[in-house]
Structure formats: C-alpha cells, structure tokens
Amino acid sequence: MLESKNLEIITLSENTAGGRRGILAEWGLSMLVKAGDRHILLDTGGSVTAAHNADVLGVDLHQVETIVLSHGHYDHTGGLLSVLAGVRREEVEIIGHPDIWRRKYSKTKKSRSFRYVGIPFSRDALESLGARFTLTSDPTWITEDIVAGGEEPTATDFEKVADTLYLKEGGQFIPDPLVDDQSIFLKTDLGLILLLGCAHRGVINILNYARELTGMEQVYLPWCFTLHRPRGRGTPIPGIWRALLLQ
C-alpha cells in the first residue's frame, strides 16, 4: 500500500492558472502522480500547457515512464506530442482503451453542426516519438497499488453520457457511449484516491466500481470531473449530490 507521505499529485494542466507567474491554463487536464520512484501521467492537456507548466514548476518529464489516457478527447490528448518530446525516452507506455482511436465528435447546441474532438495526432506520429500503446478494456495494474481502471460499468439511473457526444462511422454520426472513459485508482494508507478525467460515465458509477475493483471502502475524490445535465431527461445533479453525501 502506498504511503501518503511518499505520494505527490501535481496538476500540470487545467482551466485555471492560479497566481504563479508563467503558468498557462486551458480547457484540458493533466496530472502527474509521483509515488516513490514511479512517475505516471494522467492525460496531457489540450495543447502545450502540460509540458510548458512542467518546465515552469521544475518537473522533469524525463522521469515519466507511463501515461494513462482517461479517454480519447482532444482536451486530454492534445498535449501528447509536446509531452513525449519532453519525456525524451525511446519508449513510453501509453495505457488507453481501444476506443480512444475512434472518430469522436461533439454536436454544437446552437448550430447543430458536428466538430471533431478526438485525438488530434496520428498513431504513427506519436509512435515516432517513442509512444508504445497498451490498448485494453481491462484494468491495468501499473504497480500493486496503482491501477488504470479500464472500462467503467454503468449502473446508476441518474448518470448519463452527454447527448452532444458522437462517433462517426461509415459517414453516419452515432451517440458515443464513451466506453473508453477510465480513471486511476491509488491504494494508500489513508484510503483509495480516485483521479478522474471527465468522468463521462458518471462519478458514482466510477466510485462504486473503484471500490469493487480494489476492495477499499474509504475514498478520496479530488474535484476534477464534469457534472452534466442531459436535455429532456431532468437533472442528474441532485442524484449525484445525494449519492456522494451517502458515501
């Protein structure tokens, strides 16, 4: 079990910059987990912010051995090129669900047009910089206490994937169930720490799944997920708050 005194979680990219000089913000997410001598990156932000902020904060990306992608949207994968350039390794393991490479789109509410929101790079371009993809829907135990959760089951009736998200297949747009959504779970002496991307599949679904997968009940949940109100389905938000308060 990880000792909390040897655990550090550093946010490298999000949509606020705080008060530190030189830090960049953007719509996106990247978090670095430092657990003893292991350095694991969850997501890479939307562009260059993760690599830039790592430099400003004195974080050596060369120590990163593993990158976990929470899903295949651009705001979590758009920094892959700059991060891999900063890592400077012959091989870097990138853990993700096979569906991260599907053609992902969002439908704008006003114009009702479709916008590409998937990974903005080719697999070949990333592999030329050392990326080695481990694509699986199953949990991937990076260490005995750190796991990329894999495909997250859905069980609650008040959490739904946003109805503005689509996949493009054969020239047709179909709803995206976001089966590639995954999180990192850390087993520590304080309890189970959950690091989420957007939690598209539902934060309560993920919380319950994490407990089942790890066998740990005490959970710490940093605030880093998206609450969404699906149109025409009422609001799931009160249900989520009730479920969180009952945990």
C-alpha atoms as a PDB file:
ATOM      1  CA  MET A   1       0.000   0.000   0.000  1.00  0.00           C
ATOM      2  CA  LEU A   2       1.280   3.466  -0.898  1.00  0.00           C
ATOM      3  CA  GLU A   3       2.433   5.643   1.969  1.00  0.00           C
ATOM      4  CA  SER A   4       0.795   9.047   1.652  1.00  0.00           C
ATOM      5  CA  LYS A   5       3.979  10.786   2.793  1.00  0.00           C
ATOM      6  CA  ASN A   6       5.708   9.460  -0.336  1.00  0.00           C
ATOM      7  CA  LEU A   7       2.844  10.395  -2.683  1.00  0.00           C
ATOM      8  CA  GLU A   8       2.599  13.640  -4.643  1.00  0.00           C
ATOM      9  CA  ILE A   9      -0.031  14.657  -7.214  1.00  0.00           C
ATOM     10  CA  ILE A  10       0.840  17.681  -9.366  1.00  0.00           C
ATOM     11  CA  THR A  11      -1.677  19.340 -11.674  1.00  0.00           C
ATOM     12  CA  LEU A  12       0.142  20.290 -14.871  1.00  0.00           C
ATOM     13  CA  SER A  13      -2.837  21.497 -16.889  1.00  0.00           C
ATOM     14  CA  GLU A  14      -6.376  22.666 -16.173  1.00  0.00           C
ATOM     15  CA  ASN A  15      -8.578  25.669 -16.902  1.00  0.00           C
ATOM     16  CA  THR A  16      -7.170  27.944 -14.179  1.00  0.00           C
ATOM     17  CA  ALA A  17      -3.609  29.129 -13.664  1.00  0.00           C
ATOM     18  CA  GLY A  18      -3.666  30.262 -10.035  1.00  0.00           C
ATOM     19  CA  GLY A  19      -1.318  33.045  -9.025  1.00  0.00           C
ATOM     20  CA  ARG A  20       2.016  31.564 -10.052  1.00  0.00           C
ATOM     21  CA  ARG A  21       3.908  33.557 -12.640  1.00  0.00           C
ATOM     22  CA  GLY A  22       4.356  31.868 -16.012  1.00  0.00           C
ATOM     23  CA  ILE A  23       1.718  29.148 -15.576  1.00  0.00           C
ATOM     24  CA  LEU A  24      -0.616  28.617 -18.544  1.00  0.00           C
ATOM     25  CA  ALA A  25      -4.239  27.486 -18.379  1.00  0.00           C
ATOM     26  CA  GLU A  26      -6.501  25.946 -20.999  1.00  0.00           C
ATOM     27  CA  TRP A  27      -9.558  23.746 -21.369  1.00  0.00           C
ATOM     28  CA  GLY A  28      -7.955  20.414 -20.569  1.00  0.00           C
ATOM     29  CA  LEU A  29      -6.419  18.256 -17.865  1.00  0.00           C
ATOM     30  CA  SER A  30      -3.089  16.700 -16.967  1.00  0.00           C
ATOM     31  CA  MET A  31      -1.986  15.361 -13.570  1.00  0.00           C
ATOM     32  CA  LEU A  32       1.337  13.844 -12.594  1.00  0.00           C
ATOM     33  CA  VAL A  33       1.447  11.116  -9.943  1.00  0.00           C
ATOM     34  CA  LYS A  34       4.765  10.752  -8.117  1.00  0.00           C
ATOM     35  CA  ALA A  35       4.722   7.618  -5.975  1.00  0.00           C
ATOM     36  CA  GLY A  36       8.197   6.836  -4.694  1.00  0.00           C
ATOM     37  CA  ASP A  37      10.327   6.333  -7.782  1.00  0.00           C
ATOM     38  CA  ARG A  38       7.327   5.932 -10.119  1.00  0.00           C
ATOM     39  CA  HIS A  39       6.121   8.842 -12.265  1.00  0.00           C
ATOM     40  CA  ILE A  40       2.760   8.372 -14.010  1.00  0.00           C
ATOM     41  CA  LEU A  41       0.953  10.995 -16.048  1.00  0.00           C
ATOM     42  CA  LEU A  42      -2.839  11.071 -16.321  1.00  0.00           C
ATOM     43  CA  ASP A  43      -3.690  12.867 -19.587  1.00  0.00           C
ATOM     44  CA  THR A  44      -1.674  15.574 -21.328  1.00  0.00           C
ATOM     45  CA  GLY A  45      -3.926  18.644 -21.547  1.00  0.00           C
ATOM     46  CA  GLY A  46      -5.236  20.177 -24.751  1.00  0.00           C
ATOM     47  CA  SER A  47      -2.023  21.529 -26.286  1.00  0.00           C
ATOM     48  CA  VAL A  48       1.348  22.633 -24.878  1.00  0.00           C
ATOM     49  CA  THR A  49       0.296  23.643 -21.354  1.00  0.00           C
ATOM     50  CA  ALA A  50       1.318  20.426 -19.558  1.00  0.00           C
ATOM     51  CA  ALA A  51       4.844  20.455 -20.998  1.00  0.00           C
ATOM     52  CA  HIS A  52       5.178  24.218 -20.507  1.00  0.00           C
ATOM     53  CA  ASN A  53       3.942  24.170 -16.920  1.00  0.00           C
ATOM     54  CA  ALA A  54       6.146  21.194 -16.088  1.00  0.00           C
ATOM     55  CA  ASP A  55       9.130  23.297 -17.101  1.00  0.00           C
ATOM     56  CA  VAL A  56       7.934  26.283 -15.049  1.00  0.00           C
ATOM     57  CA  LEU A  57       7.319  24.079 -11.994  1.00  0.00           C
ATOM     58  CA  GLY A  58      10.666  22.304 -12.303  1.00  0.00           C
ATOM     59  CA  VAL A  59       9.063  18.944 -13.099  1.00  0.00           C
ATOM     60  CA  ASP A  60      11.342  16.643 -15.091  1.00  0.00           C
ATOM     61  CA  LEU A  61       9.143  14.890 -17.639  1.00  0.00           C
ATOM     62  CA  HIS A  62      12.016  12.561 -18.498  1.00  0.00           C
ATOM     63  CA  GLN A  63      11.121  10.625 -15.350  1.00  0.00           C
ATOM     64  CA  VAL A  64       7.641   9.774 -16.682  1.00  0.00           C
ATOM     65  CA  GLU A  65       7.515   6.071 -17.600  1.00  0.00           C
ATOM     66  CA  THR A  66       3.755   5.682 -18.123  1.00  0.00           C
ATOM     67  CA  ILE A  67       0.961   7.854 -19.499  1.00  0.00           C
ATOM     68  CA  VAL A  68      -2.668   6.924 -18.855  1.00  0.00           C
ATOM     69  CA  LEU A  69      -5.309   8.412 -21.152  1.00  0.00           C
ATOM     70  CA  SER A  70      -8.681   8.855 -19.438  1.00  0.00           C
ATOM     71  CA  HIS A  71     -10.412   8.929 -22.846  1.00  0.00           C
ATOM     72  CA  GLY A  72      -9.854   9.983 -26.435  1.00  0.00           C
ATOM     73  CA  HIS A  73     -10.937  13.634 -26.432  1.00  0.00           C
ATOM     74  CA  TYR A  74      -8.535  16.346 -27.619  1.00  0.00           C
ATOM     75  CA  ASP A  75      -8.504  18.251 -24.315  1.00  0.00           C
ATOM     76  CA  HIS A  76      -6.911  15.220 -22.645  1.00  0.00           C
ATOM     77  CA  THR A  77      -4.693  14.062 -25.530  1.00  0.00           C
ATOM     78  CA  GLY A  78      -3.754  17.256 -27.384  1.00  0.00           C
ATOM     79  CA  GLY A  79      -0.534  17.626 -25.399  1.00  0.00           C
ATOM     80  CA  LEU A  80       0.810  14.202 -26.336  1.00  0.00           C
ATOM     81  CA  LEU A  81       3.357  15.480 -28.867  1.00  0.00           C
ATOM     82  CA  SER A  82       4.843  18.129 -26.577  1.00  0.00           C
ATOM     83  CA  VAL A  83       4.826  15.805 -23.570  1.00  0.00           C
ATOM     84  CA  LEU A  84       6.537  12.981 -25.470  1.00  0.00           C
ATOM     85  CA  ALA A  85       9.123  15.463 -26.712  1.00  0.00           C
ATOM     86  CA  GLY A  86       9.735  16.435 -23.088  1.00  0.00           C
ATOM     87  CA  VAL A  87       9.892  12.844 -21.857  1.00  0.00           C
ATOM     88  CA  ARG A  88      12.681  12.021 -24.334  1.00  0.00           C
ATOM     89  CA  ARG A  89      12.570   8.249 -23.895  1.00  0.00           C
ATOM     90  CA  GLU A  90      12.975   5.559 -26.521  1.00  0.00           C
ATOM     91  CA  GLU A  91       9.743   4.007 -25.263  1.00  0.00           C
ATOM     92  CA  VAL A  92       6.898   5.409 -23.181  1.00  0.00           C
ATOM     93  CA  GLU A  93       3.954   3.178 -22.321  1.00  0.00           C
ATOM     94  CA  ILE A  94       0.591   4.801 -23.033  1.00  0.00           C
ATOM     95  CA  ILE A  95      -2.363   2.986 -21.480  1.00  0.00           C
ATOM     96  CA  GLY A  96      -5.780   3.541 -23.003  1.00  0.00           C
ATOM     97  CA  HIS A  97      -8.979   1.844 -24.102  1.00  0.00           C
ATOM     98  CA  PRO A  98      -9.073   0.689 -27.765  1.00  0.00           C
ATOM     99  CA  ASP A  99     -11.879   3.200 -28.415  1.00  0.00           C
ATOM    100  CA  ILE A 100      -9.586   6.200 -27.895  1.00  0.00           C
ATOM    101  CA  TRP A 101      -8.814   5.949 -31.628  1.00  0.00           C
ATOM    102  CA  ARG A 102     -12.424   6.097 -32.812  1.00  0.00           C
ATOM    103  CA  ARG A 103     -13.542   9.247 -34.654  1.00  0.00           C
ATOM    104  CA  LYS A 104     -15.067  11.417 -31.925  1.00  0.00           C
ATOM    105  CA  TYR A 105     -17.265  14.477 -32.469  1.00  0.00           C
ATOM    106  CA  SER A 106     -19.373  16.894 -30.494  1.00  0.00           C
ATOM    107  CA  LYS A 107     -22.605  18.497 -31.698  1.00  0.00           C
ATOM    108  CA  THR A 108     -22.879  22.213 -31.032  1.00  0.00           C
ATOM    109  CA  LYS A 109     -26.093  23.289 -29.347  1.00  0.00           C
ATOM    110  CA  LYS A 110     -26.732  26.403 -31.442  1.00  0.00           C
ATOM    111  CA  SER A 111     -25.720  25.483 -34.975  1.00  0.00           C
ATOM    112  CA  ARG A 112     -26.281  21.724 -34.544  1.00  0.00           C
ATOM    113  CA  SER A 113     -23.106  21.143 -36.560  1.00  0.00           C
ATOM    114  CA  PHE A 114     -20.511  18.498 -35.728  1.00  0.00           C
ATOM    115  CA  ARG A 115     -16.969  19.306 -34.590  1.00  0.00           C
ATOM    116  CA  TYR A 116     -14.116  16.817 -34.397  1.00  0.00           C
ATOM    117  CA  VAL A 117     -12.942  16.425 -30.777  1.00  0.00           C
ATOM    118  CA  GLY A 118     -10.824  13.269 -30.968  1.00  0.00           C
ATOM    119  CA  ILE A 119      -7.070  12.737 -30.723  1.00  0.00           C
ATOM    120  CA  PRO A 120      -5.512  15.379 -32.988  1.00  0.00           C
ATOM    121  CA  PHE A 121      -2.483  13.281 -33.999  1.00  0.00           C
ATOM    122  CA  SER A 122      -1.914  10.078 -35.927  1.00  0.00           C
ATOM    123  CA  ARG A 123      -0.749   6.999 -34.083  1.00  0.00           C
ATOM    124  CA  ASP A 124       2.340   6.862 -36.327  1.00  0.00           C
ATOM    125  CA  ALA A 125       3.345  10.404 -35.347  1.00  0.00           C
ATOM    126  CA  LEU A 126       3.141   9.548 -31.649  1.00  0.00           C
ATOM    127  CA  GLU A 127       4.955   6.231 -32.016  1.00  0.00           C
ATOM    128  CA  SER A 128       7.780   8.025 -33.834  1.00  0.00           C
ATOM    129  CA  LEU A 129       8.388   9.864 -30.540  1.00  0.00           C
ATOM    130  CA  GLY A 130       8.503   6.663 -28.504  1.00  0.00           C
ATOM    131  CA  ALA A 131       4.831   6.057 -27.680  1.00  0.00           C
ATOM    132  CA  ARG A 132       4.012   2.379 -27.159  1.00  0.00           C
ATOM    133  CA  PHE A 133       0.286   1.861 -26.774  1.00  0.00           C
ATOM    134  CA  THR A 134      -1.244  -0.669 -24.401  1.00  0.00           C
ATOM    135  CA  LEU A 135      -4.878  -0.732 -25.507  1.00  0.00           C
ATOM    136  CA  THR A 136      -7.256  -2.740 -23.358  1.00  0.00           C
ATOM    137  CA  SER A 137     -10.718  -2.503 -21.827  1.00  0.00           C
ATOM    138  CA  ASP A 138      -9.471  -4.383 -18.752  1.00  0.00           C
ATOM    139  CA  PRO A 139      -7.864  -2.863 -15.646  1.00  0.00           C
ATOM    140  CA  THR A 140      -4.108  -2.379 -15.953  1.00  0.00           C
ATOM    141  CA  TRP A 141      -2.164  -2.689 -12.694  1.00  0.00           C
ATOM    142  CA  ILE A 142       0.807  -0.363 -13.130  1.00  0.00           C
ATOM    143  CA  THR A 143       2.056  -1.335  -9.671  1.00  0.00           C
ATOM    144  CA  GLU A 144       0.395  -3.445  -6.991  1.00  0.00           C
ATOM    145  CA  ASP A 145      -1.184  -0.257  -5.601  1.00  0.00           C
ATOM    146  CA  ILE A 146      -1.822   1.834  -8.761  1.00  0.00           C
ATOM    147  CA  VAL A 147      -4.322   0.756 -11.373  1.00  0.00           C
ATOM    148  CA  ALA A 148      -5.744   2.246 -14.565  1.00  0.00           C
ATOM    149  CA  GLY A 149      -9.320   1.105 -14.097  1.00  0.00           C
ATOM    150  CA  GLY A 150     -10.219   0.216 -17.669  1.00  0.00           C
ATOM    151  CA  GLU A 151     -13.804   0.274 -18.957  1.00  0.00           C
ATOM    152  CA  GLU A 152     -16.192   1.532 -16.296  1.00  0.00           C
ATOM    153  CA  PRO A 153     -19.612  -0.157 -15.940  1.00  0.00           C
ATOM    154  CA  THR A 154     -22.741   1.976 -15.675  1.00  0.00           C
ATOM    155  CA  ALA A 155     -25.353   1.138 -13.067  1.00  0.00           C
ATOM    156  CA  THR A 156     -26.966   4.337 -11.785  1.00  0.00           C
ATOM    157  CA  ASP A 157     -30.153   5.645 -13.383  1.00  0.00           C
ATOM    158  CA  PHE A 158     -29.250   9.337 -12.885  1.00  0.00           C
ATOM    159  CA  GLU A 159     -25.888   9.469 -14.685  1.00  0.00           C
ATOM    160  CA  LYS A 160     -25.816   9.663 -18.478  1.00  0.00           C
ATOM    161  CA  VAL A 161     -23.135  10.375 -21.050  1.00  0.00           C
ATOM    162  CA  ALA A 162     -23.696  13.808 -22.610  1.00  0.00           C
ATOM    163  CA  ASP A 163     -26.032  13.597 -25.589  1.00  0.00           C
ATOM    164  CA  THR A 164     -23.860  16.048 -27.539  1.00  0.00           C
ATOM    165  CA  LEU A 165     -21.059  13.492 -27.979  1.00  0.00           C
ATOM    166  CA  TYR A 166     -20.905  11.320 -31.088  1.00  0.00           C
ATOM    167  CA  LEU A 167     -18.850   8.830 -33.045  1.00  0.00           C
ATOM    168  CA  LYS A 168     -18.568   8.914 -36.827  1.00  0.00           C
ATOM    169  CA  GLU A 169     -18.888   5.543 -38.529  1.00  0.00           C
ATOM    170  CA  GLY A 170     -19.398   4.962 -42.226  1.00  0.00           C
ATOM    171  CA  GLY A 171     -20.388   8.572 -42.794  1.00  0.00           C
ATOM    172  CA  GLN A 172     -23.015   8.450 -40.032  1.00  0.00           C
ATOM    173  CA  PHE A 173     -22.957  10.042 -36.599  1.00  0.00           C
ATOM    174  CA  ILE A 174     -23.987   7.801 -33.720  1.00  0.00           C
ATOM    175  CA  PRO A 175     -24.087   8.534 -29.947  1.00  0.00           C
ATOM    176  CA  ASP A 176     -20.774   7.943 -28.210  1.00  0.00           C
ATOM    177  CA  PRO A 177     -21.187   5.775 -25.067  1.00  0.00           C
ATOM    178  CA  LEU A 178     -17.642   6.788 -24.013  1.00  0.00           C
ATOM    179  CA  VAL A 179     -16.644   3.225 -23.167  1.00  0.00           C
ATOM    180  CA  ASP A 180     -13.041   4.470 -23.306  1.00  0.00           C
ATOM    181  CA  ASP A 181     -13.607   6.536 -20.144  1.00  0.00           C
ATOM    182  CA  GLN A 182     -11.244   5.357 -17.392  1.00  0.00           C
ATOM    183  CA  SER A 183      -9.560   6.622 -14.214  1.00  0.00           C
ATOM    184  CA  ILE A 184      -6.544   5.966 -12.000  1.00  0.00           C
ATOM    185  CA  PHE A 185      -7.074   4.449  -8.548  1.00  0.00           C
ATOM    186  CA  LEU A 186      -4.371   4.744  -5.877  1.00  0.00           C
ATOM    187  CA  LYS A 187      -4.392   2.423  -2.848  1.00  0.00           C
ATOM    188  CA  THR A 188      -2.879   4.396   0.044  1.00  0.00           C
ATOM    189  CA  ASP A 189      -2.586   4.169   3.815  1.00  0.00           C
ATOM    190  CA  LEU A 190      -5.248   6.903   4.037  1.00  0.00           C
ATOM    191  CA  GLY A 191      -7.687   5.168   1.712  1.00  0.00           C
ATOM    192  CA  LEU A 192      -8.419   4.943  -2.000  1.00  0.00           C
ATOM    193  CA  ILE A 193      -7.622   8.062  -4.061  1.00  0.00           C
ATOM    194  CA  LEU A 194      -9.508   8.411  -7.351  1.00  0.00           C
ATOM    195  CA  LEU A 195      -8.049  10.504 -10.166  1.00  0.00           C
ATOM    196  CA  LEU A 196     -10.707  11.100 -12.815  1.00  0.00           C
ATOM    197  CA  GLY A 197     -10.621  12.617 -16.265  1.00  0.00           C
ATOM    198  CA  CYS A 198     -14.081  13.948 -17.108  1.00  0.00           C
ATOM    199  CA  ALA A 199     -15.953  11.030 -15.519  1.00  0.00           C
ATOM    200  CA  HIS A 200     -18.193  10.878 -18.586  1.00  0.00           C
ATOM    201  CA  ARG A 201     -19.595   7.534 -17.415  1.00  0.00           C
ATOM    202  CA  GLY A 202     -20.678   9.015 -14.073  1.00  0.00           C
ATOM    203  CA  VAL A 203     -18.760   9.763 -10.902  1.00  0.00           C
ATOM    204  CA  ILE A 204     -20.926   7.491  -8.729  1.00  0.00           C
ATOM    205  CA  ASN A 205     -20.572   4.647 -11.224  1.00  0.00           C
ATOM    206  CA  ILE A 206     -16.796   5.095 -11.095  1.00  0.00           C
ATOM    207  CA  LEU A 207     -16.694   5.381  -7.304  1.00  0.00           C
ATOM    208  CA  ASN A 208     -18.640   2.145  -6.861  1.00  0.00           C
ATOM    209  CA  TYR A 209     -16.536   0.384  -9.490  1.00  0.00           C
ATOM    210  CA  ALA A 210     -13.292   1.533  -7.831  1.00  0.00           C
ATOM    211  CA  ARG A 211     -14.414   0.113  -4.501  1.00  0.00           C
ATOM    212  CA  GLU A 212     -15.347  -3.194  -6.089  1.00  0.00           C
ATOM    213  CA  LEU A 213     -12.091  -3.445  -8.042  1.00  0.00           C
ATOM    214  CA  THR A 214      -9.762  -2.582  -5.158  1.00  0.00           C
ATOM    215  CA  GLY A 215     -11.711  -3.842  -2.154  1.00  0.00           C
ATOM    216  CA  MET A 216     -11.241  -0.499  -0.376  1.00  0.00           C
ATOM    217  CA  GLU A 217     -14.135   1.484   1.128  1.00  0.00           C
ATOM    218  CA  GLN A 218     -12.608   4.796   2.262  1.00  0.00           C
ATOM    219  CA  VAL A 219     -12.416   7.026  -0.823  1.00  0.00           C
ATOM    220  CA  TYR A 220     -10.842  10.411  -1.507  1.00  0.00           C
ATOM    221  CA  LEU A 221     -12.143  12.156  -4.597  1.00  0.00           C
ATOM    222  CA  PRO A 222     -10.329  15.263  -5.874  1.00  0.00           C
ATOM    223  CA  TRP A 223     -12.754  17.629  -7.628  1.00  0.00           C
ATOM    224  CA  CYS A 224     -11.803  17.093 -11.265  1.00  0.00           C
ATOM    225  CA  PHE A 225     -14.872  15.798 -13.068  1.00  0.00           C
ATOM    226  CA  THR A 226     -17.743  17.151 -15.157  1.00  0.00           C
ATOM    227  CA  LEU A 227     -21.361  17.330 -13.989  1.00  0.00           C
ATOM    228  CA  HIS A 228     -23.748  17.303 -16.932  1.00  0.00           C
ATOM    229  CA  ARG A 229     -27.486  17.903 -17.236  1.00  0.00           C
ATOM    230  CA  PRO A 230     -28.836  15.889 -20.208  1.00  0.00           C
ATOM    231  CA  ARG A 231     -31.519  17.699 -22.174  1.00  0.00           C
ATOM    232  CA  GLY A 232     -35.006  16.225 -21.872  1.00  0.00           C
ATOM    233  CA  ARG A 233     -34.056  13.855 -19.032  1.00  0.00           C
ATOM    234  CA  GLY A 234     -34.419  16.046 -15.965  1.00  0.00           C
ATOM    235  CA  THR A 235     -31.289  16.667 -13.964  1.00  0.00           C
ATOM    236  CA  PRO A 236     -28.930  14.025 -12.558  1.00  0.00           C
ATOM    237  CA  ILE A 237     -27.086  16.543 -10.401  1.00  0.00           C
ATOM    238  CA  PRO A 238     -29.249  16.256  -7.233  1.00  0.00           C
ATOM    239  CA  GLY A 239     -28.989  12.479  -7.513  1.00  0.00           C
ATOM    240  CA  ILE A 240     -25.194  12.714  -7.721  1.00  0.00           C
ATOM    241  CA  TRP A 241     -25.030  15.001  -4.674  1.00  0.00           C
ATOM    242  CA  ARG A 242     -27.276  12.679  -2.674  1.00  0.00           C
ATOM    243  CA  ALA A 243     -25.171   9.672  -3.633  1.00  0.00           C
ATOM    244  CA  LEU A 244     -21.934  11.472  -2.701  1.00  0.00           C
ATOM    245  CA  LEU A 245     -23.307  12.534   0.668  1.00  0.00           C
ATOM    246  CA  LEU A 246     -24.344   8.952   1.419  1.00  0.00           C
ATOM    247  CA  GLN A 247     -20.883   7.522   0.720  1.00  0.00           C
END
